Amino acid sequence: MEQEKNITSDQLRAARAILDMSQAGLAELAGVSSMTVKRAEGSGKPYPAEKAIAAIRTALEVAGVEFIAENGGGAGVRLRK
């Protein structure tokens, strides 16, 4: 899934922050370990597999986050209305 590769660790941290969600809470929603979330957010190696990133992205999107692609002003996130 090429789309998941475009999500940055900054976007993941920001998405979790605007939801006021802990790494453990996101891990539970996504069905991955807390360490996987931590690594996806740039705090460890190796970077998680695409399947794990897809699960994290899906969990954040279901919770109301919209990922904004790089558009000249930088990639970002926002809450859906």
PDB file of N, CA and C in Angstrom:
ATOM      1  N   MET A   1       0.844  -1.186   0.000  1.00  0.00           N
ATOM      2  CA  MET A   1       0.000   0.000   0.000  1.00  0.00           C
ATOM      3  C   MET A   1       0.880   1.236   0.000  1.00  0.00           C
ATOM      4  N   GLU A   2       0.986   1.850  -1.114  1.00  0.00           N
ATOM      5  CA  GLU A   2       1.829   3.025  -1.251  1.00  0.00           C
ATOM      6  C   GLU A   2       1.371   4.167  -0.358  1.00  0.00           C
ATOM      7  N   GLN A   3       0.083   4.309  -0.159  1.00  0.00           N
ATOM      8  CA  GLN A   3      -0.454   5.424   0.612  1.00  0.00           C
ATOM      9  C   GLN A   3       0.105   5.449   2.040  1.00  0.00           C
ATOM     10  N   GLU A   4       0.226   4.291   2.683  1.00  0.00           N
ATOM     11  CA  GLU A   4       0.716   4.250   4.052  1.00  0.00           C
ATOM     12  C   GLU A   4       2.151   4.740   4.147  1.00  0.00           C
ATOM     13  N   LYS A   5       2.941   4.540   3.125  1.00  0.00           N
ATOM     14  CA  LYS A   5       4.328   4.991   3.149  1.00  0.00           C
ATOM     15  C   LYS A   5       4.412   6.515   3.202  1.00  0.00           C
ATOM     16  N   ASN A   6       3.369   7.178   2.776  1.00  0.00           N
ATOM     17  CA  ASN A   6       3.375   8.628   2.745  1.00  0.00           C
ATOM     18  C   ASN A   6       3.020   9.256   4.084  1.00  0.00           C
ATOM     19  N   ILE A   7       2.631   8.473   5.046  1.00  0.00           N
ATOM     20  CA  ILE A   7       2.310   9.004   6.366  1.00  0.00           C
ATOM     21  C   ILE A   7       3.608   9.154   7.139  1.00  0.00           C
ATOM     22  N   THR A   8       3.806  10.323   7.686  1.00  0.00           N
ATOM     23  CA  THR A   8       5.039  10.560   8.439  1.00  0.00           C
ATOM     24  C   THR A   8       4.839  10.250   9.919  1.00  0.00           C
ATOM     25  N   SER A   9       5.932  10.064  10.597  1.00  0.00           N
ATOM     26  CA  SER A   9       5.860   9.848  12.044  1.00  0.00           C
ATOM     27  C   SER A   9       5.285  11.092  12.730  1.00  0.00           C
ATOM     28  N   ASP A  10       5.584  12.276  12.194  1.00  0.00           N
ATOM     29  CA  ASP A  10       5.005  13.507  12.742  1.00  0.00           C
ATOM     30  C   ASP A  10       3.483  13.500  12.611  1.00  0.00           C
ATOM     31  N   GLN A  11       2.974  13.044  11.477  1.00  0.00           N
ATOM     32  CA  GLN A  11       1.524  12.966  11.288  1.00  0.00           C
ATOM     33  C   GLN A  11       0.897  11.997  12.281  1.00  0.00           C
ATOM     34  N   LEU A  12       1.539  10.867  12.504  1.00  0.00           N
ATOM     35  CA  LEU A  12       0.999   9.889  13.449  1.00  0.00           C
ATOM     36  C   LEU A  12       0.954  10.465  14.859  1.00  0.00           C
ATOM     37  N   ARG A  13       2.025  11.116  15.274  1.00  0.00           N
ATOM     38  CA  ARG A  13       2.039  11.734  16.610  1.00  0.00           C
ATOM     39  C   ARG A  13       0.975  12.820  16.721  1.00  0.00           C
ATOM     40  N   ALA A  14       0.854  13.638  15.679  1.00  0.00           N
ATOM     41  CA  ALA A  14      -0.127  14.720  15.693  1.00  0.00           C
ATOM     42  C   ALA A  14      -1.553  14.171  15.721  1.00  0.00           C
ATOM     43  N   ALA A  15      -1.807  13.127  14.951  1.00  0.00           N
ATOM     44  CA  ALA A  15      -3.141  12.524  14.913  1.00  0.00           C
ATOM     45  C   ALA A  15      -3.525  11.992  16.290  1.00  0.00           C
ATOM     46  N   ARG A  16      -2.599  11.319  16.923  1.00  0.00           N
ATOM     47  CA  ARG A  16      -2.866  10.775  18.258  1.00  0.00           C
ATOM     48  C   ARG A  16      -3.070  11.910  19.259  1.00  0.00           C
ATOM     49  N   ALA A  17      -2.302  12.976  19.109  1.00  0.00           N
ATOM     50  CA  ALA A  17      -2.410  14.113  20.026  1.00  0.00           C
ATOM     51  C   ALA A  17      -3.760  14.823  19.898  1.00  0.00           C
ATOM     52  N   ILE A  18      -4.234  15.040  18.674  1.00  0.00           N
ATOM     53  CA  ILE A  18      -5.507  15.754  18.539  1.00  0.00           C
ATOM     54  C   ILE A  18      -6.677  14.908  19.022  1.00  0.00           C
ATOM     55  N   LEU A  19      -6.460  13.614  19.115  1.00  0.00           N
ATOM     56  CA  LEU A  19      -7.485  12.732  19.685  1.00  0.00           C
ATOM     57  C   LEU A  19      -7.302  12.553  21.190  1.00  0.00           C
ATOM     58  N   ASP A  20      -6.219  13.110  21.734  1.00  0.00           N
ATOM     59  CA  ASP A  20      -5.875  12.956  23.150  1.00  0.00           C
ATOM     60  C   ASP A  20      -5.830  11.470  23.524  1.00  0.00           C
ATOM     61  N   MET A  21      -5.101  10.711  22.712  1.00  0.00           N
ATOM     62  CA  MET A  21      -5.032   9.260  22.853  1.00  0.00           C
ATOM     63  C   MET A  21      -3.610   8.846  23.213  1.00  0.00           C
ATOM     64  N   SER A  22      -3.478   7.909  24.115  1.00  0.00           N
ATOM     65  CA  SER A  22      -2.161   7.398  24.483  1.00  0.00           C
ATOM     66  C   SER A  22      -1.665   6.414  23.422  1.00  0.00           C
ATOM     67  N   GLN A  23      -0.369   6.147  23.453  1.00  0.00           N
ATOM     68  CA  GLN A  23       0.174   5.129  22.549  1.00  0.00           C
ATOM     69  C   GLN A  23      -0.479   3.783  22.828  1.00  0.00           C
ATOM     70  N   ALA A  24      -0.686   3.470  24.098  1.00  0.00           N
ATOM     71  CA  ALA A  24      -1.317   2.193  24.461  1.00  0.00           C
ATOM     72  C   ALA A  24      -2.752   2.131  23.950  1.00  0.00           C
ATOM     73  N   GLY A  25      -3.476   3.238  24.050  1.00  0.00           N
ATOM     74  CA  GLY A  25      -4.848   3.275  23.562  1.00  0.00           C
ATOM     75  C   GLY A  25      -4.921   3.083  22.067  1.00  0.00           C
ATOM     76  N   LEU A  26      -4.030   3.737  21.333  1.00  0.00           N
ATOM     77  CA  LEU A  26      -3.984   3.572  19.887  1.00  0.00           C
ATOM     78  C   LEU A  26      -3.600   2.147  19.523  1.00  0.00           C
ATOM     79  N   ALA A  27      -2.638   1.597  20.235  1.00  0.00           N
ATOM     80  CA  ALA A  27      -2.210   0.226  19.970  1.00  0.00           C
ATOM     81  C   ALA A  27      -3.381  -0.741  20.116  1.00  0.00           C
ATOM     82  N   GLU A  28      -4.159  -0.547  21.166  1.00  0.00           N
ATOM     83  CA  GLU A  28      -5.312  -1.416  21.396  1.00  0.00           C
ATOM     84  C   GLU A  28      -6.327  -1.284  20.259  1.00  0.00           C
ATOM     85  N   LEU A  29      -6.627  -0.056  19.860  1.00  0.00           N
ATOM     86  CA  LEU A  29      -7.580   0.152  18.763  1.00  0.00           C
ATOM     87  C   LEU A  29      -7.093  -0.440  17.447  1.00  0.00           C
ATOM     88  N   ALA A  30      -5.789  -0.336  17.218  1.00  0.00           N
ATOM     89  CA  ALA A  30      -5.213  -0.801  15.957  1.00  0.00           C
ATOM     90  C   ALA A  30      -4.890  -2.292  15.955  1.00  0.00           C
ATOM     91  N   GLY A  31      -4.900  -2.906  17.126  1.00  0.00           N
ATOM     92  CA  GLY A  31      -4.556  -4.322  17.199  1.00  0.00           C
ATOM     93  C   GLY A  31      -3.078  -4.594  17.012  1.00  0.00           C
ATOM     94  N   VAL A  32      -2.262  -3.631  17.457  1.00  0.00           N
ATOM     95  CA  VAL A  32      -0.806  -3.795  17.389  1.00  0.00           C
ATOM     96  C   VAL A  32      -0.242  -3.546  18.787  1.00  0.00           C
ATOM     97  N   SER A  33       1.046  -3.765  18.954  1.00  0.00           N
ATOM     98  CA  SER A  33       1.657  -3.528  20.262  1.00  0.00           C
ATOM     99  C   SER A  33       1.964  -2.047  20.458  1.00  0.00           C
ATOM    100  N   SER A  34       2.092  -1.659  21.717  1.00  0.00           N
ATOM    101  CA  SER A  34       2.485  -0.279  22.027  1.00  0.00           C
ATOM    102  C   SER A  34       3.852   0.037  21.437  1.00  0.00           C
ATOM    103  N   MET A  35       4.750  -0.932  21.415  1.00  0.00           N
ATOM    104  CA  MET A  35       6.074  -0.728  20.844  1.00  0.00           C
ATOM    105  C   MET A  35       5.973  -0.462  19.343  1.00  0.00           C
ATOM    106  N   THR A  36       5.020  -1.093  18.671  1.00  0.00           N
ATOM    107  CA  THR A  36       4.828  -0.846  17.245  1.00  0.00           C
ATOM    108  C   THR A  36       4.396   0.597  17.016  1.00  0.00           C
ATOM    109  N   VAL A  37       3.485   1.091  17.844  1.00  0.00           N
ATOM    110  CA  VAL A  37       3.060   2.490  17.729  1.00  0.00           C
ATOM    111  C   VAL A  37       4.249   3.408  17.999  1.00  0.00           C
ATOM    112  N   LYS A  38       5.009   3.108  19.031  1.00  0.00           N
ATOM    113  CA  LYS A  38       6.178   3.913  19.378  1.00  0.00           C
ATOM    114  C   LYS A  38       7.163   3.972  18.211  1.00  0.00           C
ATOM    115  N   ARG A  39       7.429   2.817  17.597  1.00  0.00           N
ATOM    116  CA  ARG A  39       8.352   2.785  16.451  1.00  0.00           C
ATOM    117  C   ARG A  39       7.773   3.537  15.253  1.00  0.00           C
ATOM    118  N   ALA A  40       6.476   3.432  15.041  1.00  0.00           N
ATOM    119  CA  ALA A  40       5.837   4.129  13.919  1.00  0.00           C
ATOM    120  C   ALA A  40       5.934   5.649  14.103  1.00  0.00           C
ATOM    121  N   GLU A  41       5.966   6.081  15.347  1.00  0.00           N
ATOM    122  CA  GLU A  41       6.077   7.500  15.650  1.00  0.00           C
ATOM    123  C   GLU A  41       7.530   7.970  15.680  1.00  0.00           C
ATOM    124  N   GLY A  42       8.443   7.107  15.277  1.00  0.00           N
ATOM    125  CA  GLY A  42       9.839   7.500  15.126  1.00  0.00           C
ATOM    126  C   GLY A  42      10.723   7.276  16.320  1.00  0.00           C
ATOM    127  N   SER A  43      10.246   6.528  17.306  1.00  0.00           N
ATOM    128  CA  SER A  43      11.029   6.320  18.527  1.00  0.00           C
ATOM    129  C   SER A  43      11.601   4.921  18.626  1.00  0.00           C
ATOM    130  N   GLY A  44      12.141   4.437  17.572  1.00  0.00           N
ATOM    131  CA  GLY A  44      12.750   3.118  17.630  1.00  0.00           C
ATOM    132  C   GLY A  44      12.891   2.486  16.265  1.00  0.00           C
ATOM    133  N   LYS A  45      13.628   1.436  16.231  1.00  0.00           N
ATOM    134  CA  LYS A  45      13.875   0.698  14.996  1.00  0.00           C
ATOM    135  C   LYS A  45      13.554  -0.767  15.264  1.00  0.00           C
ATOM    136  N   PRO A  46      13.189  -1.548  14.315  1.00  0.00           N
ATOM    137  CA  PRO A  46      12.947  -1.180  12.925  1.00  0.00           C
ATOM    138  C   PRO A  46      11.579  -0.525  12.757  1.00  0.00           C
ATOM    139  N   TYR A  47      11.418   0.177  11.636  1.00  0.00           N
ATOM    140  CA  TYR A  47      10.131   0.780  11.331  1.00  0.00           C
ATOM    141  C   TYR A  47       9.122  -0.350  11.115  1.00  0.00           C
ATOM    142  N   PRO A  48       7.893  -0.200  11.594  1.00  0.00           N
ATOM    143  CA  PRO A  48       6.897  -1.274  11.473  1.00  0.00           C
ATOM    144  C   PRO A  48       6.554  -1.632  10.028  1.00  0.00           C
ATOM    145  N   ALA A  49       6.052  -2.824   9.855  1.00  0.00           N
ATOM    146  CA  ALA A  49       5.632  -3.316   8.545  1.00  0.00           C
ATOM    147  C   ALA A  49       4.451  -2.495   8.028  1.00  0.00           C
ATOM    148  N   GLU A  50       4.287  -2.476   6.715  1.00  0.00           N
ATOM    149  CA  GLU A  50       3.192  -1.733   6.090  1.00  0.00           C
ATOM    150  C   GLU A  50       1.830  -2.147   6.650  1.00  0.00           C
ATOM    151  N   LYS A  51       1.669  -3.418   6.954  1.00  0.00           N
ATOM    152  CA  LYS A  51       0.392  -3.908   7.500  1.00  0.00           C
ATOM    153  C   LYS A  51       0.089  -3.248   8.852  1.00  0.00           C
ATOM    154  N   ALA A  52       1.105  -3.079   9.671  1.00  0.00           N
ATOM    155  CA  ALA A  52       0.923  -2.429  10.976  1.00  0.00           C
ATOM    156  C   ALA A  52       0.610  -0.951  10.808  1.00  0.00           C
ATOM    157  N   ILE A  53       1.296  -0.290   9.885  1.00  0.00           N
ATOM    158  CA  ILE A  53       1.031   1.122   9.623  1.00  0.00           C
ATOM    159  C   ILE A  53      -0.387   1.295   9.098  1.00  0.00           C
ATOM    160  N   ALA A  54      -0.822   0.382   8.238  1.00  0.00           N
ATOM    161  CA  ALA A  54      -2.189   0.443   7.712  1.00  0.00           C
ATOM    162  C   ALA A  54      -3.206   0.300   8.843  1.00  0.00           C
ATOM    163  N   ALA A  55      -2.947  -0.584   9.794  1.00  0.00           N
ATOM    164  CA  ALA A  55      -3.856  -0.784  10.922  1.00  0.00           C
ATOM    165  C   ALA A  55      -3.907   0.458  11.810  1.00  0.00           C
ATOM    166  N   ILE A  56      -2.759   1.081  12.027  1.00  0.00           N
ATOM    167  CA  ILE A  56      -2.699   2.301  12.835  1.00  0.00           C
ATOM    168  C   ILE A  56      -3.445   3.429  12.125  1.00  0.00           C
ATOM    169  N   ARG A  57      -3.200   3.570  10.833  1.00  0.00           N
ATOM    170  CA  ARG A  57      -3.882   4.613  10.054  1.00  0.00           C
ATOM    171  C   ARG A  57      -5.393   4.411  10.096  1.00  0.00           C
ATOM    172  N   THR A  58      -5.829   3.189   9.879  1.00  0.00           N
ATOM    173  CA  THR A  58      -7.266   2.893   9.889  1.00  0.00           C
ATOM    174  C   THR A  58      -7.881   3.233  11.240  1.00  0.00           C
ATOM    175  N   ALA A  59      -7.212   2.855  12.319  1.00  0.00           N
ATOM    176  CA  ALA A  59      -7.732   3.144  13.659  1.00  0.00           C
ATOM    177  C   ALA A  59      -7.865   4.653  13.872  1.00  0.00           C
ATOM    178  N   LEU A  60      -6.881   5.416  13.425  1.00  0.00           N
ATOM    179  CA  LEU A  60      -6.934   6.866  13.580  1.00  0.00           C
ATOM    180  C   LEU A  60      -8.039   7.476  12.715  1.00  0.00           C
ATOM    181  N   GLU A  61      -8.199   6.962  11.510  1.00  0.00           N
ATOM    182  CA  GLU A  61      -9.248   7.475  10.626  1.00  0.00           C
ATOM    183  C   GLU A  61     -10.638   7.150  11.166  1.00  0.00           C
ATOM    184  N   VAL A  62     -10.821   5.961  11.688  1.00  0.00           N
ATOM    185  CA  VAL A  62     -12.109   5.590  12.285  1.00  0.00           C
ATOM    186  C   VAL A  62     -12.413   6.498  13.473  1.00  0.00           C
ATOM    187  N   ALA A  63     -11.373   6.909  14.191  1.00  0.00           N
ATOM    188  CA  ALA A  63     -11.540   7.788  15.353  1.00  0.00           C
ATOM    189  C   ALA A  63     -11.805   9.236  14.942  1.00  0.00           C
ATOM    190  N   GLY A  64     -11.685   9.548  13.636  1.00  0.00           N
ATOM    191  CA  GLY A  64     -12.044  10.877  13.159  1.00  0.00           C
ATOM    192  C   GLY A  64     -10.936  11.720  12.563  1.00  0.00           C
ATOM    193  N   VAL A  65      -9.762  11.136  12.372  1.00  0.00           N
ATOM    194  CA  VAL A  65      -8.633  11.882  11.816  1.00  0.00           C
ATOM    195  C   VAL A  65      -8.625  11.772  10.298  1.00  0.00           C
ATOM    196  N   GLU A  66      -8.276  12.869   9.665  1.00  0.00           N
ATOM    197  CA  GLU A  66      -8.063  12.877   8.215  1.00  0.00           C
ATOM    198  C   GLU A  66      -6.603  13.235   7.974  1.00  0.00           C
ATOM    199  N   PHE A  67      -5.908  12.418   7.205  1.00  0.00           N
ATOM    200  CA  PHE A  67      -4.512  12.686   6.866  1.00  0.00           C
ATOM    201  C   PHE A  67      -4.478  13.559   5.620  1.00  0.00           C
ATOM    202  N   ILE A  68      -3.665  14.601   5.664  1.00  0.00           N
ATOM    203  CA  ILE A  68      -3.544  15.542   4.563  1.00  0.00           C
ATOM    204  C   ILE A  68      -2.181  15.316   3.908  1.00  0.00           C
ATOM    205  N   ALA A  69      -2.214  15.059   2.617  1.00  0.00           N
ATOM    206  CA  ALA A  69      -0.979  14.794   1.880  1.00  0.00           C
ATOM    207  C   ALA A  69      -0.158  16.063   1.718  1.00  0.00           C
ATOM    208  N   GLU A  70       1.116  15.880   1.450  1.00  0.00           N
ATOM    209  CA  GLU A  70       2.019  16.987   1.155  1.00  0.00           C
ATOM    210  C   GLU A  70       1.435  17.755  -0.034  1.00  0.00           C
ATOM    211  N   ASN A  71       1.256  19.056   0.146  1.00  0.00           N
ATOM    212  CA  ASN A  71       0.654  19.857  -0.914  1.00  0.00           C
ATOM    213  C   ASN A  71       1.376  21.189  -1.092  1.00  0.00           C
ATOM    214  N   GLY A  72       2.625  21.190  -0.793  1.00  0.00           N
ATOM    215  CA  GLY A  72       3.389  22.423  -0.866  1.00  0.00           C
ATOM    216  C   GLY A  72       3.489  23.140   0.467  1.00  0.00           C
ATOM    217  N   GLY A  73       2.546  22.869   1.350  1.00  0.00           N
ATOM    218  CA  GLY A  73       2.568  23.480   2.673  1.00  0.00           C
ATOM    219  C   GLY A  73       2.928  22.488   3.756  1.00  0.00           C
ATOM    220  N   GLY A  74       3.229  21.282   3.359  1.00  0.00           N
ATOM    221  CA  GLY A  74       3.591  20.242   4.309  1.00  0.00           C
ATOM    222  C   GLY A  74       2.432  19.299   4.583  1.00  0.00           C
ATOM    223  N   ALA A  75       2.767  18.075   4.906  1.00  0.00           N
ATOM    224  CA  ALA A  75       1.757  17.072   5.255  1.00  0.00           C
ATOM    225  C   ALA A  75       1.173  17.409   6.616  1.00  0.00           C
ATOM    226  N   GLY A  76      -0.060  16.967   6.864  1.00  0.00           N
ATOM    227  CA  GLY A  76      -0.674  17.269   8.151  1.00  0.00           C
ATOM    228  C   GLY A  76      -1.813  16.341   8.472  1.00  0.00           C
ATOM    229  N   VAL A  77      -2.552  16.702   9.512  1.00  0.00           N
ATOM    230  CA  VAL A  77      -3.735  15.958   9.940  1.00  0.00           C
ATOM    231  C   VAL A  77      -4.790  16.958  10.421  1.00  0.00           C
ATOM    232  N   ARG A  78      -6.026  16.533  10.404  1.00  0.00           N
ATOM    233  CA  ARG A  78      -7.105  17.335  10.953  1.00  0.00           C
ATOM    234  C   ARG A  78      -8.239  16.402  11.352  1.00  0.00           C
ATOM    235  N   LEU A  79      -9.122  16.919  12.188  1.00  0.00           N
ATOM    236  CA  LEU A  79     -10.314  16.159  12.562  1.00  0.00           C
ATOM    237  C   LEU A  79     -11.363  16.374  11.484  1.00  0.00           C
ATOM    238  N   ARG A  80     -12.038  15.289  11.124  1.00  0.00           N
ATOM    239  CA  ARG A  80     -13.144  15.410  10.173  1.00  0.00           C
ATOM    240  C   ARG A  80     -14.303  16.107  10.851  1.00  0.00           C
ATOM    241  N   LYS A  81     -15.041  16.829  10.105  1.00  0.00           N
ATOM    242  CA  LYS A  81     -16.232  17.510  10.648  1.00  0.00           C
ATOM    243  C   LYS A  81     -17.437  16.648  10.506  1.00  0.00           C
TER     244      LYS A  81
END
